[in-house]
Amino acid sequence: MRVKKSIILLVMVFLIFSLAGCGGKDTDTDVAQQLSLSQESGNIKIVTSFYPMYLMAANIAKDISGVEVVNMTEPITGCLHDYQFTPKDLKCLTDADFMVINGAGMESFLDKVIDGCPELKLIEASQGLELIKDDEHTGEPNPHLWVSVSYAIDQVKNIRNQLKELDPDHAKRYQENADLYLSKLDALRQKMHEYLDDISRRDIVAFHDAFPYFAQEFDLNIVAVIEKDSGSELSAGEFADCINTIKRTGVKTIFAEPQYPAKTAEAIARETGATVYSLDPVVTGPMDLDSYIRIMEKNMETLREALH
């Protein structure tokens, strides 16, 4: 089963209007080569939208003969808020059977492709889950569910269930692999709660709005967010407001993220006497299948140190 020619035609049109802004270096010949459909092989190709979805899907499809999991975006991409579709992504999608996305608005850059391509079977990891609204201004759902271990468990179950339905020939193996991975995630959740449920301080400042689900799970209070959108610069007024909030609430801890420069967080720390730590939202990292667990364990140790 392969994505039909409609996806090729749609994305060709899409690329004509978007390549100039993508910064791609592919020649016309390269793009033409990317538009050719691969021959039917009888195998299943699962494409994931970005790093955390890859880790989930790859664990579920681990060592299943004839099932391949490929991550579309680079593992150093980070969150997808401002991502632009590229010819390389097209090459990845043209022979895909299923695509695993986070949903909840994270992959909005794919809307034009998805809307015009009913043949591409989508697996939405956030399907049916209760979403946190970002704030009273936008009312948009926050898409960073996987940063909470409990929500990551729910997302793995969602992916497993939808894969079993779409590919019943491999349903038993998907179930077995998912059970194994879910047992690891459940052990991680228990360990993190043992470490963090008795922390003495719970007010924090986050770098960007990636941690509401994490904060909800571990009863943390995010009193301020430095950058609502990753990569956006604070205005002078927003910078002053953040400093005033930290001083008024007495927050001692600011969490930067390893994917982004910490200079703004460090400048705010100098003005307030707070200490900067690094908290990883698991949007980049090695492709090792246990990377989510290791990154979250490091976050656990960081929080334990920062909030006791």
C-alpha atoms as a PDB file:
ATOM      1  CA  MET A   1       0.000   0.000   0.000  1.00  0.00           C
ATOM      2  CA  ARG A   2       1.502   3.350  -1.016  1.00  0.00           C
ATOM      3  CA  VAL A   3       0.446   6.992  -1.112  1.00  0.00           C
ATOM      4  CA  LYS A   4      -1.138   7.616  -4.513  1.00  0.00           C
ATOM      5  CA  LYS A   5      -0.139  10.136  -7.133  1.00  0.00           C
ATOM      6  CA  SER A   6      -2.424  12.788  -5.632  1.00  0.00           C
ATOM      7  CA  ILE A   7       0.114  13.463  -2.899  1.00  0.00           C
ATOM      8  CA  ILE A   8       2.801  13.955  -5.532  1.00  0.00           C
ATOM      9  CA  LEU A   9       0.729  16.407  -7.547  1.00  0.00           C
ATOM     10  CA  LEU A  10      -0.386  18.310  -4.465  1.00  0.00           C
ATOM     11  CA  VAL A  11       3.081  18.614  -3.013  1.00  0.00           C
ATOM     12  CA  MET A  12       4.571  19.600  -6.376  1.00  0.00           C
ATOM     13  CA  VAL A  13       2.224  22.589  -6.355  1.00  0.00           C
ATOM     14  CA  PHE A  14       3.010  23.235  -2.713  1.00  0.00           C
ATOM     15  CA  LEU A  15       6.747  23.163  -3.360  1.00  0.00           C
ATOM     16  CA  ILE A  16       6.517  25.582  -6.270  1.00  0.00           C
ATOM     17  CA  PHE A  17       5.216  28.227  -3.876  1.00  0.00           C
ATOM     18  CA  SER A  18       7.290  27.310  -0.852  1.00  0.00           C
ATOM     19  CA  LEU A  19      10.780  26.280  -2.005  1.00  0.00           C
ATOM     20  CA  ALA A  20      12.089  29.829  -2.071  1.00  0.00           C
ATOM     21  CA  GLY A  21      11.341  30.177   1.625  1.00  0.00           C
ATOM     22  CA  CYS A  22      12.624  26.730   2.587  1.00  0.00           C
ATOM     23  CA  GLY A  23      16.250  27.433   1.880  1.00  0.00           C
ATOM     24  CA  GLY A  24      16.576  24.061   0.097  1.00  0.00           C
ATOM     25  CA  LYS A  25      19.608  23.409  -2.115  1.00  0.00           C
ATOM     26  CA  ASP A  26      18.123  20.650  -4.272  1.00  0.00           C
ATOM     27  CA  THR A  27      18.366  21.121  -8.026  1.00  0.00           C
ATOM     28  CA  ASP A  28      15.405  20.678 -10.350  1.00  0.00           C
ATOM     29  CA  THR A  29      16.787  17.239 -11.245  1.00  0.00           C
ATOM     30  CA  ASP A  30      16.984  16.275  -7.571  1.00  0.00           C
ATOM     31  CA  VAL A  31      13.388  17.320  -6.971  1.00  0.00           C
ATOM     32  CA  ALA A  32      12.227  15.396 -10.026  1.00  0.00           C
ATOM     33  CA  GLN A  33      13.956  12.304  -8.743  1.00  0.00           C
ATOM     34  CA  GLN A  34      12.299  12.754  -5.365  1.00  0.00           C
ATOM     35  CA  LEU A  35       8.885  12.831  -7.000  1.00  0.00           C
ATOM     36  CA  SER A  36       9.196   9.309  -8.394  1.00  0.00           C
ATOM     37  CA  LEU A  37       7.231   6.637  -6.571  1.00  0.00           C
ATOM     38  CA  SER A  38       9.191   3.683  -5.270  1.00  0.00           C
ATOM     39  CA  GLN A  39       8.189   0.247  -6.510  1.00  0.00           C
ATOM     40  CA  GLU A  40       5.789  -1.843  -4.491  1.00  0.00           C
ATOM     41  CA  SER A  41       7.787  -3.959  -2.053  1.00  0.00           C
ATOM     42  CA  GLY A  42       5.112  -5.447   0.183  1.00  0.00           C
ATOM     43  CA  ASN A  43       6.743  -3.805   3.183  1.00  0.00           C
ATOM     44  CA  ILE A  44       5.154  -1.279   5.553  1.00  0.00           C
ATOM     45  CA  LYS A  45       6.782   2.136   5.853  1.00  0.00           C
ATOM     46  CA  ILE A  46       5.803   4.253   8.858  1.00  0.00           C
ATOM     47  CA  VAL A  47       6.901   7.892   8.718  1.00  0.00           C
ATOM     48  CA  THR A  48       6.947   9.955  11.917  1.00  0.00           C
ATOM     49  CA  SER A  49       6.687  13.725  12.023  1.00  0.00           C
ATOM     50  CA  PHE A  50       9.444  14.412  14.540  1.00  0.00           C
ATOM     51  CA  TYR A  51      11.688  13.021  17.268  1.00  0.00           C
ATOM     52  CA  PRO A  52       9.321  12.036  20.122  1.00  0.00           C
ATOM     53  CA  MET A  53       6.894  10.414  17.689  1.00  0.00           C
ATOM     54  CA  TYR A  54       9.778   8.444  16.191  1.00  0.00           C
ATOM     55  CA  LEU A  55      10.836   7.094  19.590  1.00  0.00           C
ATOM     56  CA  MET A  56       7.294   5.913  20.303  1.00  0.00           C
ATOM     57  CA  ALA A  57       6.624   4.353  16.894  1.00  0.00           C
ATOM     58  CA  ALA A  58      10.066   2.761  16.657  1.00  0.00           C
ATOM     59  CA  ASN A  59       9.602   1.044  20.000  1.00  0.00           C
ATOM     60  CA  ILE A  60       6.200  -0.283  18.943  1.00  0.00           C
ATOM     61  CA  ALA A  61       7.509  -1.553  15.583  1.00  0.00           C
ATOM     62  CA  LYS A  62      10.853  -2.773  16.906  1.00  0.00           C
ATOM     63  CA  ASP A  63      12.319  -5.814  15.100  1.00  0.00           C
ATOM     64  CA  ILE A  64       9.171  -6.515  13.098  1.00  0.00           C
ATOM     65  CA  SER A  65      10.184  -7.949   9.737  1.00  0.00           C
ATOM     66  CA  GLY A  66       8.823  -5.911   6.847  1.00  0.00           C
ATOM     67  CA  VAL A  67       8.000  -2.849   8.961  1.00  0.00           C
ATOM     68  CA  GLU A  68      10.232   0.222   8.706  1.00  0.00           C
ATOM     69  CA  VAL A  69      10.018   3.399  10.814  1.00  0.00           C
ATOM     70  CA  VAL A  70      11.539   6.578   9.372  1.00  0.00           C
ATOM     71  CA  ASN A  71      11.620  10.016  10.953  1.00  0.00           C
ATOM     72  CA  MET A  72      10.773  12.750   8.455  1.00  0.00           C
ATOM     73  CA  THR A  73      12.438  15.737  10.128  1.00  0.00           C
ATOM     74  CA  GLU A  74      15.993  15.828  11.387  1.00  0.00           C
ATOM     75  CA  PRO A  75      16.428  14.728  15.033  1.00  0.00           C
ATOM     76  CA  ILE A  76      17.962  18.154  15.723  1.00  0.00           C
ATOM     77  CA  THR A  77      14.926  20.068  14.425  1.00  0.00           C
ATOM     78  CA  GLY A  78      13.224  20.699  17.772  1.00  0.00           C
ATOM     79  CA  CYS A  79       9.566  21.698  18.004  1.00  0.00           C
ATOM     80  CA  LEU A  80       7.754  22.105  14.703  1.00  0.00           C
ATOM     81  CA  HIS A  81       5.957  25.408  15.301  1.00  0.00           C
ATOM     82  CA  ASP A  82       7.730  27.222  12.464  1.00  0.00           C
ATOM     83  CA  TYR A  83       8.844  24.253  10.390  1.00  0.00           C
ATOM     84  CA  GLN A  84       8.541  24.404   6.594  1.00  0.00           C
ATOM     85  CA  PHE A  85       7.991  21.405   4.366  1.00  0.00           C
ATOM     86  CA  THR A  86      11.013  20.585   2.152  1.00  0.00           C
ATOM     87  CA  PRO A  87      11.794  18.422  -0.890  1.00  0.00           C
ATOM     88  CA  LYS A  88      13.583  16.005   1.440  1.00  0.00           C
ATOM     89  CA  ASP A  89      10.349  15.598   3.404  1.00  0.00           C
ATOM     90  CA  LEU A  90       8.535  14.917   0.145  1.00  0.00           C
ATOM     91  CA  LYS A  91      10.937  12.119  -0.668  1.00  0.00           C
ATOM     92  CA  CYS A  92      10.248  10.612   2.736  1.00  0.00           C
ATOM     93  CA  LEU A  93       6.464  10.780   2.312  1.00  0.00           C
ATOM     94  CA  THR A  94       6.017   9.596  -1.265  1.00  0.00           C
ATOM     95  CA  ASP A  95       6.235   5.899  -0.440  1.00  0.00           C
ATOM     96  CA  ALA A  96       4.838   6.020   3.104  1.00  0.00           C
ATOM     97  CA  ASP A  97       1.989   3.783   4.220  1.00  0.00           C
ATOM     98  CA  PHE A  98       1.237   5.486   7.540  1.00  0.00           C
ATOM     99  CA  MET A  99       2.291   8.742   9.143  1.00  0.00           C
ATOM    100  CA  VAL A 100       2.463   9.155  12.910  1.00  0.00           C
ATOM    101  CA  ILE A 101       1.859  12.720  14.057  1.00  0.00           C
ATOM    102  CA  ASN A 102       1.520  14.282  17.472  1.00  0.00           C
ATOM    103  CA  GLY A 103      -1.537  16.309  16.448  1.00  0.00           C
ATOM    104  CA  ALA A 104      -3.062  19.069  18.591  1.00  0.00           C
ATOM    105  CA  GLY A 105      -1.743  21.622  16.081  1.00  0.00           C
ATOM    106  CA  MET A 106       1.924  20.625  16.262  1.00  0.00           C
ATOM    107  CA  GLU A 107       2.225  19.681  12.575  1.00  0.00           C
ATOM    108  CA  SER A 108       0.299  22.602  11.078  1.00  0.00           C
ATOM    109  CA  PHE A 109       2.938  22.843   8.326  1.00  0.00           C
ATOM    110  CA  LEU A 110       1.496  19.587   6.946  1.00  0.00           C
ATOM    111  CA  ASP A 111      -2.116  20.770   6.742  1.00  0.00           C
ATOM    112  CA  LYS A 112      -2.075  21.386   2.979  1.00  0.00           C
ATOM    113  CA  VAL A 113      -0.555  17.991   2.292  1.00  0.00           C
ATOM    114  CA  ILE A 114      -2.814  16.064   4.668  1.00  0.00           C
ATOM    115  CA  ASP A 115      -6.054  17.747   3.577  1.00  0.00           C
ATOM    116  CA  GLY A 116      -5.481  16.814  -0.057  1.00  0.00           C
ATOM    117  CA  CYS A 117      -4.219  13.283   0.479  1.00  0.00           C
ATOM    118  CA  PRO A 118      -6.822  10.882   1.838  1.00  0.00           C
ATOM    119  CA  GLU A 119      -4.595   7.945   0.809  1.00  0.00           C
ATOM    120  CA  LEU A 120      -2.028   8.861   3.482  1.00  0.00           C
ATOM    121  CA  LYS A 121      -3.175   7.063   6.612  1.00  0.00           C
ATOM    122  CA  LEU A 122      -2.626   9.274   9.633  1.00  0.00           C
ATOM    123  CA  ILE A 123      -2.006   8.011  13.142  1.00  0.00           C
ATOM    124  CA  GLU A 124      -2.616  10.831  15.619  1.00  0.00           C
ATOM    125  CA  ALA A 125      -0.939  10.268  18.974  1.00  0.00           C
ATOM    126  CA  SER A 126      -3.029  12.892  20.793  1.00  0.00           C
ATOM    127  CA  GLN A 127      -6.364  11.530  19.568  1.00  0.00           C
ATOM    128  CA  GLY A 128      -9.029  11.657  22.286  1.00  0.00           C
ATOM    129  CA  LEU A 129      -6.695  13.041  24.964  1.00  0.00           C
ATOM    130  CA  GLU A 130      -7.624  15.998  27.152  1.00  0.00           C
ATOM    131  CA  LEU A 131      -5.675  19.042  25.981  1.00  0.00           C
ATOM    132  CA  ILE A 132      -4.514  22.035  27.974  1.00  0.00           C
ATOM    133  CA  LYS A 133      -5.378  25.407  26.451  1.00  0.00           C
ATOM    134  CA  ASP A 134      -2.350  27.663  26.148  1.00  0.00           C
ATOM    135  CA  ASP A 135      -3.800  30.842  27.595  1.00  0.00           C
ATOM    136  CA  GLU A 136      -6.799  33.112  27.610  1.00  0.00           C
ATOM    137  CA  HIS A 137      -5.488  35.093  24.628  1.00  0.00           C
ATOM    138  CA  THR A 138      -5.218  32.399  21.943  1.00  0.00           C
ATOM    139  CA  GLY A 139      -7.231  29.560  23.415  1.00  0.00           C
ATOM    140  CA  GLU A 140      -5.167  27.164  21.278  1.00  0.00           C
ATOM    141  CA  PRO A 141      -4.370  23.697  22.639  1.00  0.00           C
ATOM    142  CA  ASN A 142      -0.864  23.101  23.876  1.00  0.00           C
ATOM    143  CA  PRO A 143       0.569  20.244  21.792  1.00  0.00           C
ATOM    144  CA  HIS A 144       3.471  19.178  24.068  1.00  0.00           C
ATOM    145  CA  LEU A 145       1.733  16.158  25.585  1.00  0.00           C
ATOM    146  CA  TRP A 146       4.711  13.777  25.428  1.00  0.00           C
ATOM    147  CA  VAL A 147       6.672  15.878  27.962  1.00  0.00           C
ATOM    148  CA  SER A 148       4.411  14.352  30.614  1.00  0.00           C
ATOM    149  CA  VAL A 149       5.267  10.687  31.121  1.00  0.00           C
ATOM    150  CA  SER A 150       1.605   9.860  31.743  1.00  0.00           C
ATOM    151  CA  TYR A 151       0.548  11.502  28.494  1.00  0.00           C
ATOM    152  CA  ALA A 152       3.447   9.813  26.679  1.00  0.00           C
ATOM    153  CA  ILE A 153       2.031   6.495  27.886  1.00  0.00           C
ATOM    154  CA  ASP A 154      -1.386   7.463  26.523  1.00  0.00           C
ATOM    155  CA  GLN A 155       0.176   8.466  23.210  1.00  0.00           C
ATOM    156  CA  VAL A 156       1.995   5.144  22.889  1.00  0.00           C
ATOM    157  CA  LYS A 157      -1.317   3.367  23.469  1.00  0.00           C
ATOM    158  CA  ASN A 158      -2.958   5.526  20.801  1.00  0.00           C
ATOM    159  CA  ILE A 159      -0.245   4.746  18.255  1.00  0.00           C
ATOM    160  CA  ARG A 160      -0.360   1.041  19.107  1.00  0.00           C
ATOM    161  CA  ASN A 161      -4.124   0.838  18.742  1.00  0.00           C
ATOM    162  CA  GLN A 162      -4.216   2.678  15.433  1.00  0.00           C
ATOM    163  CA  LEU A 163      -1.322   0.636  14.003  1.00  0.00           C
ATOM    164  CA  LYS A 164      -3.071  -2.598  14.970  1.00  0.00           C
ATOM    165  CA  GLU A 165      -6.204  -1.453  13.165  1.00  0.00           C
ATOM    166  CA  LEU A 166      -4.401  -0.280  10.035  1.00  0.00           C
ATOM    167  CA  ASP A 167      -1.979  -3.211   9.845  1.00  0.00           C
ATOM    168  CA  PRO A 168      -3.704  -6.251  11.393  1.00  0.00           C
ATOM    169  CA  ASP A 169      -1.080  -8.632   9.987  1.00  0.00           C
ATOM    170  CA  HIS A 170       1.411  -7.283  12.522  1.00  0.00           C
ATOM    171  CA  ALA A 171      -1.070  -6.524  15.318  1.00  0.00           C
ATOM    172  CA  LYS A 172       0.285  -9.181  17.689  1.00  0.00           C
ATOM    173  CA  ARG A 173       3.855  -7.878  17.425  1.00  0.00           C
ATOM    174  CA  TYR A 174       2.746  -4.260  17.830  1.00  0.00           C
ATOM    175  CA  GLN A 175       0.930  -5.286  21.000  1.00  0.00           C
ATOM    176  CA  GLU A 176       3.899  -7.205  22.407  1.00  0.00           C
ATOM    177  CA  ASN A 177       6.386  -4.426  21.693  1.00  0.00           C
ATOM    178  CA  ALA A 178       4.058  -1.764  23.055  1.00  0.00           C
ATOM    179  CA  ASP A 179       3.516  -3.771  26.246  1.00  0.00           C
ATOM    180  CA  LEU A 180       7.267  -3.945  26.797  1.00  0.00           C
ATOM    181  CA  TYR A 181       7.780  -0.233  26.173  1.00  0.00           C
ATOM    182  CA  LEU A 182       4.781   0.731  28.294  1.00  0.00           C
ATOM    183  CA  SER A 183       6.192  -1.266  31.200  1.00  0.00           C
ATOM    184  CA  LYS A 184       9.407   0.768  30.925  1.00  0.00           C
ATOM    185  CA  LEU A 185       7.488   4.035  30.790  1.00  0.00           C
ATOM    186  CA  ASP A 186       5.353   3.060  33.762  1.00  0.00           C
ATOM    187  CA  ALA A 187       8.495   2.241  35.771  1.00  0.00           C
ATOM    188  CA  LEU A 188       9.900   5.650  34.750  1.00  0.00           C
ATOM    189  CA  ARG A 189       6.693   7.369  35.884  1.00  0.00           C
ATOM    190  CA  GLN A 190       6.782   5.670  39.269  1.00  0.00           C
ATOM    191  CA  LYS A 191      10.455   6.510  39.745  1.00  0.00           C
ATOM    192  CA  MET A 192       9.928  10.162  38.848  1.00  0.00           C
ATOM    193  CA  HIS A 193       7.021  10.495  41.258  1.00  0.00           C
ATOM    194  CA  GLU A 194       9.099   8.923  44.036  1.00  0.00           C
ATOM    195  CA  TYR A 195      11.812  11.479  43.356  1.00  0.00           C
ATOM    196  CA  LEU A 196       9.636  14.546  42.848  1.00  0.00           C
ATOM    197  CA  ASP A 197       6.444  14.246  44.865  1.00  0.00           C
ATOM    198  CA  ASP A 198       8.129  15.581  48.004  1.00  0.00           C
ATOM    199  CA  ILE A 199      10.112  18.475  46.517  1.00  0.00           C
ATOM    200  CA  SER A 200       9.982  21.557  48.723  1.00  0.00           C
ATOM    201  CA  ARG A 201       9.637  24.246  46.036  1.00  0.00           C
ATOM    202  CA  ARG A 202       7.190  24.078  43.146  1.00  0.00           C
ATOM    203  CA  ASP A 203       7.258  27.526  41.485  1.00  0.00           C
ATOM    204  CA  ILE A 204       9.343  27.645  38.317  1.00  0.00           C
ATOM    205  CA  VAL A 205       9.981  29.803  35.254  1.00  0.00           C
ATOM    206  CA  ALA A 206      10.027  27.895  31.966  1.00  0.00           C
ATOM    207  CA  PHE A 207      11.868  28.893  28.806  1.00  0.00           C
ATOM    208  CA  HIS A 208       8.961  28.289  26.443  1.00  0.00           C
ATOM    209  CA  ASP A 209       5.511  26.816  26.684  1.00  0.00           C
ATOM    210  CA  ALA A 210       6.542  23.152  26.455  1.00  0.00           C
ATOM    211  CA  PHE A 211       5.941  22.097  30.052  1.00  0.00           C
ATOM    212  CA  PRO A 212       2.266  22.531  31.055  1.00  0.00           C
ATOM    213  CA  TYR A 213       1.552  18.785  30.909  1.00  0.00           C
ATOM    214  CA  PHE A 214       4.773  18.021  32.769  1.00  0.00           C
ATOM    215  CA  ALA A 215       3.936  20.637  35.389  1.00  0.00           C
ATOM    216  CA  GLN A 216       0.423  19.244  35.739  1.00  0.00           C
ATOM    217  CA  GLU A 217       1.737  15.745  36.363  1.00  0.00           C
ATOM    218  CA  PHE A 218       4.303  16.752  38.969  1.00  0.00           C
ATOM    219  CA  ASP A 219       2.305  19.557  40.593  1.00  0.00           C
ATOM    220  CA  LEU A 220       4.624  22.358  39.505  1.00  0.00           C
ATOM    221  CA  ASN A 221       3.500  25.954  39.149  1.00  0.00           C
ATOM    222  CA  ILE A 222       4.794  27.758  36.061  1.00  0.00           C
ATOM    223  CA  VAL A 223       4.692  31.405  37.152  1.00  0.00           C
ATOM    224  CA  ALA A 224       6.200  32.784  33.928  1.00  0.00           C
ATOM    225  CA  VAL A 225       7.244  31.672  30.454  1.00  0.00           C
ATOM    226  CA  ILE A 226      10.206  33.498  28.937  1.00  0.00           C
ATOM    227  CA  GLU A 227       9.344  32.893  25.283  1.00  0.00           C
ATOM    228  CA  LYS A 228       5.793  31.908  24.380  1.00  0.00           C
ATOM    229  CA  ASP A 229       7.084  30.860  20.966  1.00  0.00           C
ATOM    230  CA  SER A 230      10.520  29.273  20.823  1.00  0.00           C
ATOM    231  CA  GLY A 231      12.999  31.465  19.002  1.00  0.00           C
ATOM    232  CA  SER A 232      11.035  34.693  19.493  1.00  0.00           C
ATOM    233  CA  GLU A 233      12.804  37.565  21.192  1.00  0.00           C
ATOM    234  CA  LEU A 234      11.303  39.207  24.269  1.00  0.00           C
ATOM    235  CA  SER A 235      10.341  42.838  23.932  1.00  0.00           C
ATOM    236  CA  ALA A 236      11.683  45.246  26.544  1.00  0.00           C
ATOM    237  CA  GLY A 237       8.264  45.292  28.193  1.00  0.00           C
ATOM    238  CA  GLU A 238       7.998  41.503  28.290  1.00  0.00           C
ATOM    239  CA  PHE A 239      11.516  41.285  29.698  1.00  0.00           C
ATOM    240  CA  ALA A 240      10.613  43.723  32.478  1.00  0.00           C
ATOM    241  CA  ASP A 241       7.335  41.919  33.199  1.00  0.00           C
ATOM    242  CA  CYS A 242       9.153  38.621  33.550  1.00  0.00           C
ATOM    243  CA  ILE A 243      11.658  40.113  35.976  1.00  0.00           C
ATOM    244  CA  ASN A 244       8.901  41.720  38.034  1.00  0.00           C
ATOM    245  CA  THR A 245       6.972  38.444  38.207  1.00  0.00           C
ATOM    246  CA  ILE A 246      10.022  36.543  39.412  1.00  0.00           C
ATOM    247  CA  LYS A 247      10.819  39.143  42.051  1.00  0.00           C
ATOM    248  CA  ARG A 248       7.204  39.309  43.226  1.00  0.00           C
ATOM    249  CA  THR A 249       6.793  35.547  43.511  1.00  0.00           C
ATOM    250  CA  GLY A 250      10.257  34.832  44.848  1.00  0.00           C
ATOM    251  CA  VAL A 251      10.977  32.142  42.255  1.00  0.00           C
ATOM    252  CA  LYS A 252      14.528  30.862  42.508  1.00  0.00           C
ATOM    253  CA  THR A 253      14.668  28.597  39.466  1.00  0.00           C
ATOM    254  CA  ILE A 254      14.629  29.294  35.737  1.00  0.00           C
ATOM    255  CA  PHE A 255      14.662  26.384  33.312  1.00  0.00           C
ATOM    256  CA  ALA A 256      16.294  26.894  29.934  1.00  0.00           C
ATOM    257  CA  GLU A 257      16.206  24.224  27.220  1.00  0.00           C
ATOM    258  CA  PRO A 258      19.245  22.593  25.597  1.00  0.00           C
ATOM    259  CA  GLN A 259      17.805  23.162  22.097  1.00  0.00           C
ATOM    260  CA  TYR A 260      17.930  26.972  22.410  1.00  0.00           C
ATOM    261  CA  PRO A 261      20.428  29.620  23.555  1.00  0.00           C
ATOM    262  CA  ALA A 262      20.155  30.383  27.263  1.00  0.00           C
ATOM    263  CA  LYS A 263      21.248  34.031  27.037  1.00  0.00           C
ATOM    264  CA  THR A 264      17.787  35.468  27.777  1.00  0.00           C
ATOM    265  CA  ALA A 265      17.286  33.161  30.741  1.00  0.00           C
ATOM    266  CA  GLU A 266      20.755  34.052  32.027  1.00  0.00           C
ATOM    267  CA  ALA A 267      20.077  37.785  31.658  1.00  0.00           C
ATOM    268  CA  ILE A 268      16.861  37.433  33.657  1.00  0.00           C
ATOM    269  CA  ALA A 269      18.703  35.378  36.274  1.00  0.00           C
ATOM    270  CA  ARG A 270      21.291  38.139  36.689  1.00  0.00           C
ATOM    271  CA  GLU A 271      18.519  40.652  37.342  1.00  0.00           C
ATOM    272  CA  THR A 272      16.620  38.466  39.819  1.00  0.00           C
ATOM    273  CA  GLY A 273      19.180  36.278  41.569  1.00  0.00           C
ATOM    274  CA  ALA A 274      17.536  33.121  40.228  1.00  0.00           C
ATOM    275  CA  THR A 275      19.554  30.114  39.060  1.00  0.00           C
ATOM    276  CA  VAL A 276      19.346  28.719  35.530  1.00  0.00           C
ATOM    277  CA  TYR A 277      19.039  24.970  34.981  1.00  0.00           C
ATOM    278  CA  SER A 278      18.413  22.992  31.802  1.00  0.00           C
ATOM    279  CA  LEU A 279      15.174  21.035  31.345  1.00  0.00           C
ATOM    280  CA  ASP A 280      14.839  18.992  28.161  1.00  0.00           C
ATOM    281  CA  PRO A 281      11.417  18.748  26.418  1.00  0.00           C
ATOM    282  CA  VAL A 282      12.634  15.692  24.468  1.00  0.00           C
ATOM    283  CA  VAL A 283      12.328  17.199  20.995  1.00  0.00           C
ATOM    284  CA  THR A 284      15.889  16.360  19.926  1.00  0.00           C
ATOM    285  CA  GLY A 285      18.393  13.682  20.786  1.00  0.00           C
ATOM    286  CA  PRO A 286      19.943  10.372  19.769  1.00  0.00           C
ATOM    287  CA  MET A 287      17.834   7.866  17.860  1.00  0.00           C
ATOM    288  CA  ASP A 288      18.408   5.163  20.461  1.00  0.00           C
ATOM    289  CA  LEU A 289      15.060   3.627  21.443  1.00  0.00           C
ATOM    290  CA  ASP A 290      15.517   4.290  25.179  1.00  0.00           C
ATOM    291  CA  SER A 291      16.440   7.957  24.687  1.00  0.00           C
ATOM    292  CA  TYR A 292      13.112   9.277  26.026  1.00  0.00           C
ATOM    293  CA  ILE A 293      13.642   7.378  29.270  1.00  0.00           C
ATOM    294  CA  ARG A 294      17.225   8.570  29.689  1.00  0.00           C
ATOM    295  CA  ILE A 295      16.379  12.202  28.931  1.00  0.00           C
ATOM    296  CA  MET A 296      13.482  12.163  31.392  1.00  0.00           C
ATOM    297  CA  GLU A 297      15.661  10.586  34.069  1.00  0.00           C
ATOM    298  CA  LYS A 298      18.132  13.430  33.591  1.00  0.00           C
ATOM    299  CA  ASN A 299      15.258  15.919  33.913  1.00  0.00           C
ATOM    300  CA  MET A 300      14.248  14.171  37.118  1.00  0.00           C
ATOM    301  CA  GLU A 301      17.741  14.576  38.597  1.00  0.00           C
ATOM    302  CA  THR A 302      17.841  18.236  37.520  1.00  0.00           C
ATOM    303  CA  LEU A 303      14.486  18.986  39.140  1.00  0.00           C
ATOM    304  CA  ARG A 304      15.482  17.195  42.312  1.00  0.00           C
ATOM    305  CA  GLU A 305      18.625  19.333  42.536  1.00  0.00           C
ATOM    306  CA  ALA A 306      16.924  22.598  41.570  1.00  0.00           C
ATOM    307  CA  LEU A 307      13.804  22.430  43.725  1.00  0.00           C
ATOM    308  CA  HIS A 308      15.032  21.011  47.028  1.00  0.00           C
END
